Amino acid sequence: MQLYKSAMGKKFASVLLFSLVTVIFCTTDPGDLYVLMQFRDGLENPDLLEWPENGGDPCGPPSWSHVFCDEESRVTQNEAQGVGLKGTLPQNLNKLSMLKNIGLQRNQLSGKLPSFDGLSNLQYAYLDYNIFDSIPTDFFDGLDDLQVLALDHNNFNATSGWSFPKALQNSAQLTNLSCMNCNLIGSLPDFLGSMPSLTNLKLSGNSLSGEIPRTFNGSAVQMLWLNGNQFTLLYNWIVAQ
């Protein structure tokens, strides 16, 4: 009986030690890990990510392909551009609260874009050349550090169209905004001409109409692509450029 207890004690100690080692080496923030798992589960071809099917630690070492983390094992980048991903994005993607860079352009991702509300650390977002079909109204909320946003060639809200919400004007560090062929309608928001850092604005191939706002006269915008829209008046400052 004593030998049995001794053997069981050693077995329990081994299991406990293994569990502790697993905990120690799985350093990725649990919330971030959960979102990444949902991202993988929403794909039709998750094998293209080359992530381990069972277990593993996204932040490593070694880190998973397309995933980059900071010193506190928080996910800061998810870059998987042009690898042929098919499927949808998790609607809780904004729970990756330390995300600074997302690069998912030139895939075949579809469905509804998740809200980016709360991604206050996000600086670069490349979602262009996919087949997303809708964008939530609060997508732009709280993007305080955003510098580059590319949404080109996604037919958002095909039946009704959409417009940039006023929340976008709070992204004061935005330098590059590209949304060509993404079903924008209505007038060009005047706040775009007043954004202090916006130098490149590409909105070709939409259904924008009306006049170019006077706020663009003297604005920081240096590159302005508006061809393929239905504007009725171009101010002299635009024609002269």
C-alpha atoms as a PDB file:
ATOM      1  CA  MET A   1       0.000   0.000   0.000  1.00  0.00           C
ATOM      2  CA  GLN A   2       2.843   2.348   0.842  1.00  0.00           C
ATOM      3  CA  LEU A   3       4.487   1.611  -2.513  1.00  0.00           C
ATOM      4  CA  TYR A   4       1.182   2.293  -4.279  1.00  0.00           C
ATOM      5  CA  LYS A   5       0.797   5.641  -2.508  1.00  0.00           C
ATOM      6  CA  SER A   6       4.369   6.515  -3.352  1.00  0.00           C
ATOM      7  CA  ALA A   7       3.852   5.679  -7.023  1.00  0.00           C
ATOM      8  CA  MET A   8       0.616   7.653  -7.170  1.00  0.00           C
ATOM      9  CA  GLY A   9       2.311  10.581  -5.480  1.00  0.00           C
ATOM     10  CA  LYS A  10       5.088  10.615  -8.057  1.00  0.00           C
ATOM     11  CA  LYS A  11       2.546  10.372 -10.892  1.00  0.00           C
ATOM     12  CA  PHE A  12       0.556  13.303  -9.485  1.00  0.00           C
ATOM     13  CA  ALA A  13       3.733  15.330  -9.067  1.00  0.00           C
ATOM     14  CA  SER A  14       4.695  14.629 -12.686  1.00  0.00           C
ATOM     15  CA  VAL A  15       1.273  15.731 -13.958  1.00  0.00           C
ATOM     16  CA  LEU A  16       1.420  18.872 -11.844  1.00  0.00           C
ATOM     17  CA  LEU A  17       4.918  19.674 -13.077  1.00  0.00           C
ATOM     18  CA  PHE A  18       3.834  19.190 -16.699  1.00  0.00           C
ATOM     19  CA  SER A  19       0.871  21.503 -16.144  1.00  0.00           C
ATOM     20  CA  LEU A  20       3.082  24.154 -14.616  1.00  0.00           C
ATOM     21  CA  VAL A  21       5.530  23.920 -17.499  1.00  0.00           C
ATOM     22  CA  THR A  22       2.632  24.277 -19.961  1.00  0.00           C
ATOM     23  CA  VAL A  23       1.386  27.373 -18.156  1.00  0.00           C
ATOM     24  CA  ILE A  24       4.850  28.871 -17.998  1.00  0.00           C
ATOM     25  CA  PHE A  25       5.549  28.411 -21.690  1.00  0.00           C
ATOM     26  CA  CYS A  26       2.086  29.480 -22.935  1.00  0.00           C
ATOM     27  CA  THR A  27       2.712  33.181 -22.432  1.00  0.00           C
ATOM     28  CA  THR A  28       0.257  34.694 -24.924  1.00  0.00           C
ATOM     29  CA  ASP A  29      -2.523  36.714 -23.338  1.00  0.00           C
ATOM     30  CA  PRO A  30      -5.509  34.323 -23.001  1.00  0.00           C
ATOM     31  CA  GLY A  31      -7.915  36.836 -24.511  1.00  0.00           C
ATOM     32  CA  ASP A  32      -5.683  37.370 -27.521  1.00  0.00           C
ATOM     33  CA  LEU A  33      -5.267  33.624 -27.933  1.00  0.00           C
ATOM     34  CA  TYR A  34      -9.055  33.170 -27.929  1.00  0.00           C
ATOM     35  CA  VAL A  35      -9.508  35.739 -30.715  1.00  0.00           C
ATOM     36  CA  LEU A  36      -6.790  34.116 -32.821  1.00  0.00           C
ATOM     37  CA  MET A  37      -8.486  30.749 -32.420  1.00  0.00           C
ATOM     38  CA  GLN A  38     -11.779  32.254 -33.553  1.00  0.00           C
ATOM     39  CA  PHE A  39     -10.010  33.813 -36.511  1.00  0.00           C
ATOM     40  CA  ARG A  40      -8.677  30.407 -37.511  1.00  0.00           C
ATOM     41  CA  ASP A  41     -12.045  28.706 -36.949  1.00  0.00           C
ATOM     42  CA  GLY A  42     -13.760  31.171 -39.285  1.00  0.00           C
ATOM     43  CA  LEU A  43     -11.543  30.225 -42.221  1.00  0.00           C
ATOM     44  CA  GLU A  44     -12.293  27.612 -44.840  1.00  0.00           C
ATOM     45  CA  ASN A  45      -8.587  26.999 -45.395  1.00  0.00           C
ATOM     46  CA  PRO A  46      -6.847  27.639 -42.045  1.00  0.00           C
ATOM     47  CA  ASP A  47      -3.966  25.390 -43.080  1.00  0.00           C
ATOM     48  CA  LEU A  48      -2.625  28.311 -45.115  1.00  0.00           C
ATOM     49  CA  LEU A  49      -1.757  30.051 -41.860  1.00  0.00           C
ATOM     50  CA  GLU A  50       0.552  27.180 -40.916  1.00  0.00           C
ATOM     51  CA  TRP A  51      -0.543  27.408 -37.291  1.00  0.00           C
ATOM     52  CA  PRO A  52      -0.365  24.287 -35.077  1.00  0.00           C
ATOM     53  CA  GLU A  53      -3.682  22.459 -34.887  1.00  0.00           C
ATOM     54  CA  ASN A  54      -3.399  21.708 -31.174  1.00  0.00           C
ATOM     55  CA  GLY A  55      -1.710  23.740 -28.478  1.00  0.00           C
ATOM     56  CA  GLY A  56       1.203  26.002 -29.072  1.00  0.00           C
ATOM     57  CA  ASP A  57       1.911  29.593 -28.146  1.00  0.00           C
ATOM     58  CA  PRO A  58       1.285  32.315 -30.759  1.00  0.00           C
ATOM     59  CA  CYS A  59       3.864  34.615 -29.185  1.00  0.00           C
ATOM     60  CA  GLY A  60       6.404  31.789 -28.974  1.00  0.00           C
ATOM     61  CA  PRO A  61       9.177  31.264 -29.030  1.00  0.00           C
ATOM     62  CA  PRO A  62       8.929  30.521 -31.839  1.00  0.00           C
ATOM     63  CA  SER A  63       5.994  32.741 -32.711  1.00  0.00           C
ATOM     64  CA  TRP A  64       3.299  31.574 -35.114  1.00  0.00           C
ATOM     65  CA  SER A  65       3.483  32.593 -38.745  1.00  0.00           C
ATOM     66  CA  HIS A  66       1.879  35.989 -39.442  1.00  0.00           C
ATOM     67  CA  VAL A  67       1.675  36.830 -35.711  1.00  0.00           C
ATOM     68  CA  PHE A  68       3.866  39.353 -33.891  1.00  0.00           C
ATOM     69  CA  CYS A  69       3.777  40.192 -30.189  1.00  0.00           C
ATOM     70  CA  ASP A  70       5.230  42.712 -27.767  1.00  0.00           C
ATOM     71  CA  GLU A  71       7.350  42.022 -24.689  1.00  0.00           C
ATOM     72  CA  GLU A  72       4.228  41.408 -22.625  1.00  0.00           C
ATOM     73  CA  SER A  73       2.998  38.689 -25.011  1.00  0.00           C
ATOM     74  CA  ARG A  74       0.198  40.794 -26.404  1.00  0.00           C
ATOM     75  CA  VAL A  75      -0.563  40.418 -30.097  1.00  0.00           C
ATOM     76  CA  THR A  76       0.453  43.594 -31.934  1.00  0.00           C
ATOM     77  CA  GLN A  77       0.436  42.474 -35.572  1.00  0.00           C
ATOM     78  CA  ASN A  78      -1.476  40.023 -37.707  1.00  0.00           C
ATOM     79  CA  GLU A  79      -0.146  40.019 -41.257  1.00  0.00           C
ATOM     80  CA  ALA A  80      -1.314  37.408 -43.753  1.00  0.00           C
ATOM     81  CA  GLN A  81      -1.581  39.322 -46.986  1.00  0.00           C
ATOM     82  CA  GLY A  82      -2.061  37.567 -50.295  1.00  0.00           C
ATOM     83  CA  VAL A  83      -2.052  33.985 -49.023  1.00  0.00           C
ATOM     84  CA  GLY A  84      -5.511  33.045 -50.347  1.00  0.00           C
ATOM     85  CA  LEU A  85      -7.484  32.997 -47.101  1.00  0.00           C
ATOM     86  CA  LYS A  86     -11.216  32.293 -47.461  1.00  0.00           C
ATOM     87  CA  GLY A  87     -13.798  32.806 -44.740  1.00  0.00           C
ATOM     88  CA  THR A  88     -14.985  35.455 -42.301  1.00  0.00           C
ATOM     89  CA  LEU A  89     -13.344  37.519 -39.595  1.00  0.00           C
ATOM     90  CA  PRO A  90     -14.393  37.095 -35.952  1.00  0.00           C
ATOM     91  CA  GLN A  91     -16.695  39.854 -34.763  1.00  0.00           C
ATOM     92  CA  ASN A  92     -14.635  40.205 -31.572  1.00  0.00           C
ATOM     93  CA  LEU A  93     -11.448  41.099 -33.452  1.00  0.00           C
ATOM     94  CA  ASN A  94     -11.367  44.414 -31.605  1.00  0.00           C
ATOM     95  CA  LYS A  95     -10.575  42.496 -28.420  1.00  0.00           C
ATOM     96  CA  LEU A  96      -6.979  42.399 -29.671  1.00  0.00           C
ATOM     97  CA  SER A  97      -6.644  45.722 -27.875  1.00  0.00           C
ATOM     98  CA  MET A  98      -2.873  46.090 -28.429  1.00  0.00           C
ATOM     99  CA  LEU A  99      -3.103  45.487 -32.182  1.00  0.00           C
ATOM    100  CA  LYS A 100      -1.025  47.999 -34.140  1.00  0.00           C
ATOM    101  CA  ASN A 101      -0.954  46.499 -37.606  1.00  0.00           C
ATOM    102  CA  ILE A 102      -3.406  44.275 -39.448  1.00  0.00           C
ATOM    103  CA  GLY A 103      -2.520  43.235 -42.977  1.00  0.00           C
ATOM    104  CA  LEU A 104      -5.097  40.938 -44.570  1.00  0.00           C
ATOM    105  CA  GLN A 105      -5.217  42.467 -48.035  1.00  0.00           C
ATOM    106  CA  ARG A 106      -5.517  40.493 -51.262  1.00  0.00           C
ATOM    107  CA  ASN A 107      -7.278  37.457 -49.827  1.00  0.00           C
ATOM    108  CA  GLN A 108     -10.852  36.231 -50.309  1.00  0.00           C
ATOM    109  CA  LEU A 109     -12.226  37.176 -46.908  1.00  0.00           C
ATOM    110  CA  SER A 110     -15.965  37.789 -46.946  1.00  0.00           C
ATOM    111  CA  GLY A 111     -18.999  38.651 -44.855  1.00  0.00           C
ATOM    112  CA  LYS A 112     -19.285  41.520 -42.422  1.00  0.00           C
ATOM    113  CA  LEU A 113     -16.259  43.461 -41.293  1.00  0.00           C
ATOM    114  CA  PRO A 114     -16.057  43.484 -37.493  1.00  0.00           C
ATOM    115  CA  SER A 115     -16.128  46.778 -35.664  1.00  0.00           C
ATOM    116  CA  PHE A 116     -12.705  48.233 -34.902  1.00  0.00           C
ATOM    117  CA  ASP A 117     -14.163  50.239 -32.046  1.00  0.00           C
ATOM    118  CA  GLY A 118     -11.641  50.189 -29.203  1.00  0.00           C
ATOM    119  CA  LEU A 119      -8.512  49.496 -31.246  1.00  0.00           C
ATOM    120  CA  SER A 120      -6.943  52.710 -29.999  1.00  0.00           C
ATOM    121  CA  ASN A 121      -3.407  51.434 -30.701  1.00  0.00           C
ATOM    122  CA  LEU A 122      -4.083  50.497 -34.332  1.00  0.00           C
ATOM    123  CA  GLN A 123      -1.834  52.360 -36.771  1.00  0.00           C
ATOM    124  CA  TYR A 124      -2.042  50.407 -40.031  1.00  0.00           C
ATOM    125  CA  ALA A 125      -5.051  48.542 -41.414  1.00  0.00           C
ATOM    126  CA  TYR A 126      -4.902  46.889 -44.832  1.00  0.00           C
ATOM    127  CA  LEU A 127      -8.177  45.142 -45.687  1.00  0.00           C
ATOM    128  CA  ASP A 128      -8.300  45.951 -49.396  1.00  0.00           C
ATOM    129  CA  TYR A 129      -8.945  43.523 -52.237  1.00  0.00           C
ATOM    130  CA  ASN A 130     -11.207  41.131 -50.354  1.00  0.00           C
ATOM    131  CA  ILE A 131     -14.936  40.487 -50.763  1.00  0.00           C
ATOM    132  CA  PHE A 132     -16.379  41.923 -47.552  1.00  0.00           C
ATOM    133  CA  ASP A 133     -20.019  42.866 -48.041  1.00  0.00           C
ATOM    134  CA  SER A 134     -20.780  45.202 -45.142  1.00  0.00           C
ATOM    135  CA  ILE A 135     -19.095  47.567 -42.716  1.00  0.00           C
ATOM    136  CA  PRO A 136     -20.556  48.465 -39.293  1.00  0.00           C
ATOM    137  CA  THR A 137     -21.367  52.065 -38.437  1.00  0.00           C
ATOM    138  CA  ASP A 138     -19.017  52.005 -35.430  1.00  0.00           C
ATOM    139  CA  PHE A 139     -16.072  50.601 -37.401  1.00  0.00           C
ATOM    140  CA  PHE A 140     -14.158  53.904 -37.122  1.00  0.00           C
ATOM    141  CA  ASP A 141     -14.864  54.661 -33.466  1.00  0.00           C
ATOM    142  CA  GLY A 142     -11.861  55.172 -31.213  1.00  0.00           C
ATOM    143  CA  LEU A 143      -9.138  54.746 -33.848  1.00  0.00           C
ATOM    144  CA  ASP A 144      -7.000  57.425 -32.227  1.00  0.00           C
ATOM    145  CA  ASP A 145      -3.607  56.278 -33.578  1.00  0.00           C
ATOM    146  CA  LEU A 146      -4.701  55.251 -37.076  1.00  0.00           C
ATOM    147  CA  GLN A 147      -2.269  56.371 -39.791  1.00  0.00           C
ATOM    148  CA  VAL A 148      -3.078  54.227 -42.831  1.00  0.00           C
ATOM    149  CA  LEU A 149      -6.409  52.643 -43.808  1.00  0.00           C
ATOM    150  CA  ALA A 150      -7.009  50.730 -47.045  1.00  0.00           C
ATOM    151  CA  LEU A 151     -10.472  49.348 -47.834  1.00  0.00           C
ATOM    152  CA  ASP A 152     -10.342  49.299 -51.640  1.00  0.00           C
ATOM    153  CA  HIS A 153     -12.343  46.872 -53.778  1.00  0.00           C
ATOM    154  CA  ASN A 154     -14.830  45.677 -51.164  1.00  0.00           C
ATOM    155  CA  ASN A 155     -18.456  46.126 -52.201  1.00  0.00           C
ATOM    156  CA  PHE A 156     -19.755  47.333 -48.855  1.00  0.00           C
ATOM    157  CA  ASN A 157     -23.532  47.589 -48.361  1.00  0.00           C
ATOM    158  CA  ALA A 158     -24.246  46.826 -52.009  1.00  0.00           C
ATOM    159  CA  THR A 159     -27.953  47.724 -51.960  1.00  0.00           C
ATOM    160  CA  SER A 160     -27.772  50.925 -49.927  1.00  0.00           C
ATOM    161  CA  GLY A 161     -24.207  52.216 -50.123  1.00  0.00           C
ATOM    162  CA  TRP A 162     -22.496  53.951 -47.218  1.00  0.00           C
ATOM    163  CA  SER A 163     -20.594  57.057 -46.188  1.00  0.00           C
ATOM    164  CA  PHE A 164     -17.692  57.818 -43.884  1.00  0.00           C
ATOM    165  CA  PRO A 165     -19.056  58.563 -40.394  1.00  0.00           C
ATOM    166  CA  LYS A 166     -17.999  61.661 -38.469  1.00  0.00           C
ATOM    167  CA  ALA A 167     -16.069  59.463 -36.040  1.00  0.00           C
ATOM    168  CA  LEU A 168     -13.340  59.187 -38.676  1.00  0.00           C
ATOM    169  CA  GLN A 169     -12.382  62.826 -38.138  1.00  0.00           C
ATOM    170  CA  ASN A 170     -11.076  61.895 -34.690  1.00  0.00           C
ATOM    171  CA  SER A 171      -8.266  59.905 -36.322  1.00  0.00           C
ATOM    172  CA  ALA A 172      -6.080  62.998 -36.324  1.00  0.00           C
ATOM    173  CA  GLN A 173      -2.911  61.094 -37.312  1.00  0.00           C
ATOM    174  CA  LEU A 174      -4.424  59.560 -40.460  1.00  0.00           C
ATOM    175  CA  THR A 175      -2.119  60.216 -43.433  1.00  0.00           C
ATOM    176  CA  ASN A 176      -3.374  57.712 -46.041  1.00  0.00           C
ATOM    177  CA  LEU A 177      -7.016  56.838 -46.664  1.00  0.00           C
ATOM    178  CA  SER A 178      -7.840  54.626 -49.638  1.00  0.00           C
ATOM    179  CA  CYS A 179     -11.330  53.410 -50.395  1.00  0.00           C
ATOM    180  CA  MET A 180     -11.548  52.973 -54.146  1.00  0.00           C
ATOM    181  CA  ASN A 181     -14.447  50.953 -55.546  1.00  0.00           C
ATOM    182  CA  CYS A 182     -16.043  50.355 -52.162  1.00  0.00           C
ATOM    183  CA  ASN A 183     -19.580  51.682 -52.841  1.00  0.00           C
ATOM    184  CA  LEU A 184     -19.349  55.098 -51.189  1.00  0.00           C
ATOM    185  CA  ILE A 185     -22.366  57.318 -51.909  1.00  0.00           C
ATOM    186  CA  GLY A 186     -23.521  60.836 -51.158  1.00  0.00           C
ATOM    187  CA  SER A 187     -21.388  63.920 -50.781  1.00  0.00           C
ATOM    188  CA  LEU A 188     -17.722  64.045 -49.933  1.00  0.00           C
ATOM    189  CA  PRO A 189     -17.504  64.716 -46.165  1.00  0.00           C
ATOM    190  CA  ASP A 190     -16.134  68.197 -45.558  1.00  0.00           C
ATOM    191  CA  PHE A 191     -14.154  67.052 -42.514  1.00  0.00           C
ATOM    192  CA  LEU A 192     -11.797  65.124 -44.794  1.00  0.00           C
ATOM    193  CA  GLY A 193     -10.437  68.424 -46.050  1.00  0.00           C
ATOM    194  CA  SER A 194      -9.793  69.587 -42.494  1.00  0.00           C
ATOM    195  CA  MET A 195      -7.924  66.551 -41.188  1.00  0.00           C
ATOM    196  CA  PRO A 196      -4.460  67.856 -40.252  1.00  0.00           C
ATOM    197  CA  SER A 197      -2.361  64.859 -41.336  1.00  0.00           C
ATOM    198  CA  LEU A 198      -4.298  63.502 -44.307  1.00  0.00           C
ATOM    199  CA  THR A 199      -2.043  63.785 -47.375  1.00  0.00           C
ATOM    200  CA  ASN A 200      -3.215  60.902 -49.586  1.00  0.00           C
ATOM    201  CA  LEU A 201      -6.917  60.392 -50.302  1.00  0.00           C
ATOM    202  CA  LYS A 202      -7.993  57.838 -52.902  1.00  0.00           C
ATOM    203  CA  LEU A 203     -11.748  57.518 -53.473  1.00  0.00           C
ATOM    204  CA  SER A 204     -11.986  56.685 -57.181  1.00  0.00           C
ATOM    205  CA  GLY A 205     -14.669  54.410 -58.569  1.00  0.00           C
ATOM    206  CA  ASN A 206     -17.464  55.230 -56.134  1.00  0.00           C
ATOM    207  CA  SER A 207     -20.810  57.048 -56.448  1.00  0.00           C
ATOM    208  CA  LEU A 208     -19.903  60.262 -54.659  1.00  0.00           C
ATOM    209  CA  SER A 209     -21.673  63.357 -55.941  1.00  0.00           C
ATOM    210  CA  GLY A 210     -22.248  67.046 -55.326  1.00  0.00           C
ATOM    211  CA  GLU A 211     -19.548  69.650 -54.825  1.00  0.00           C
ATOM    212  CA  ILE A 212     -16.011  69.314 -53.564  1.00  0.00           C
ATOM    213  CA  PRO A 213     -16.126  70.912 -50.086  1.00  0.00           C
ATOM    214  CA  ARG A 214     -14.339  74.225 -49.648  1.00  0.00           C
ATOM    215  CA  THR A 215     -12.390  72.709 -46.753  1.00  0.00           C
ATOM    216  CA  PHE A 216     -10.112  71.125 -49.357  1.00  0.00           C
ATOM    217  CA  ASN A 217      -8.900  74.573 -50.333  1.00  0.00           C
ATOM    218  CA  GLY A 218      -5.605  74.810 -48.458  1.00  0.00           C
ATOM    219  CA  SER A 219      -5.914  71.361 -46.912  1.00  0.00           C
ATOM    220  CA  ALA A 220      -2.982  69.039 -46.224  1.00  0.00           C
ATOM    221  CA  VAL A 221      -4.111  66.683 -49.016  1.00  0.00           C
ATOM    222  CA  GLN A 222      -1.419  66.330 -51.675  1.00  0.00           C
ATOM    223  CA  MET A 223      -2.714  63.318 -53.608  1.00  0.00           C
ATOM    224  CA  LEU A 224      -6.435  63.268 -54.384  1.00  0.00           C
ATOM    225  CA  TRP A 225      -8.007  60.558 -56.544  1.00  0.00           C
ATOM    226  CA  LEU A 226     -11.695  61.153 -57.277  1.00  0.00           C
ATOM    227  CA  ASN A 227     -12.136  59.941 -60.844  1.00  0.00           C
ATOM    228  CA  GLY A 228     -15.161  57.800 -61.598  1.00  0.00           C
ATOM    229  CA  ASN A 229     -17.489  59.752 -59.286  1.00  0.00           C
ATOM    230  CA  GLN A 230     -20.239  62.252 -60.166  1.00  0.00           C
ATOM    231  CA  PHE A 231     -19.103  65.601 -58.786  1.00  0.00           C
ATOM    232  CA  THR A 232     -20.824  68.653 -60.229  1.00  0.00           C
ATOM    233  CA  LEU A 233     -18.216  71.253 -59.338  1.00  0.00           C
ATOM    234  CA  LEU A 234     -14.461  71.186 -58.979  1.00  0.00           C
ATOM    235  CA  TYR A 235     -13.033  74.287 -57.338  1.00  0.00           C
ATOM    236  CA  ASN A 236     -10.248  76.160 -59.094  1.00  0.00           C
ATOM    237  CA  TRP A 237      -7.630  74.964 -56.635  1.00  0.00           C
ATOM    238  CA  ILE A 238      -8.277  71.367 -57.717  1.00  0.00           C
ATOM    239  CA  VAL A 239      -8.401  72.090 -61.448  1.00  0.00           C
ATOM    240  CA  ALA A 240      -5.098  73.967 -61.220  1.00  0.00           C
ATOM    241  CA  GLN A 241      -3.231  71.075 -59.652  1.00  0.00           C
END
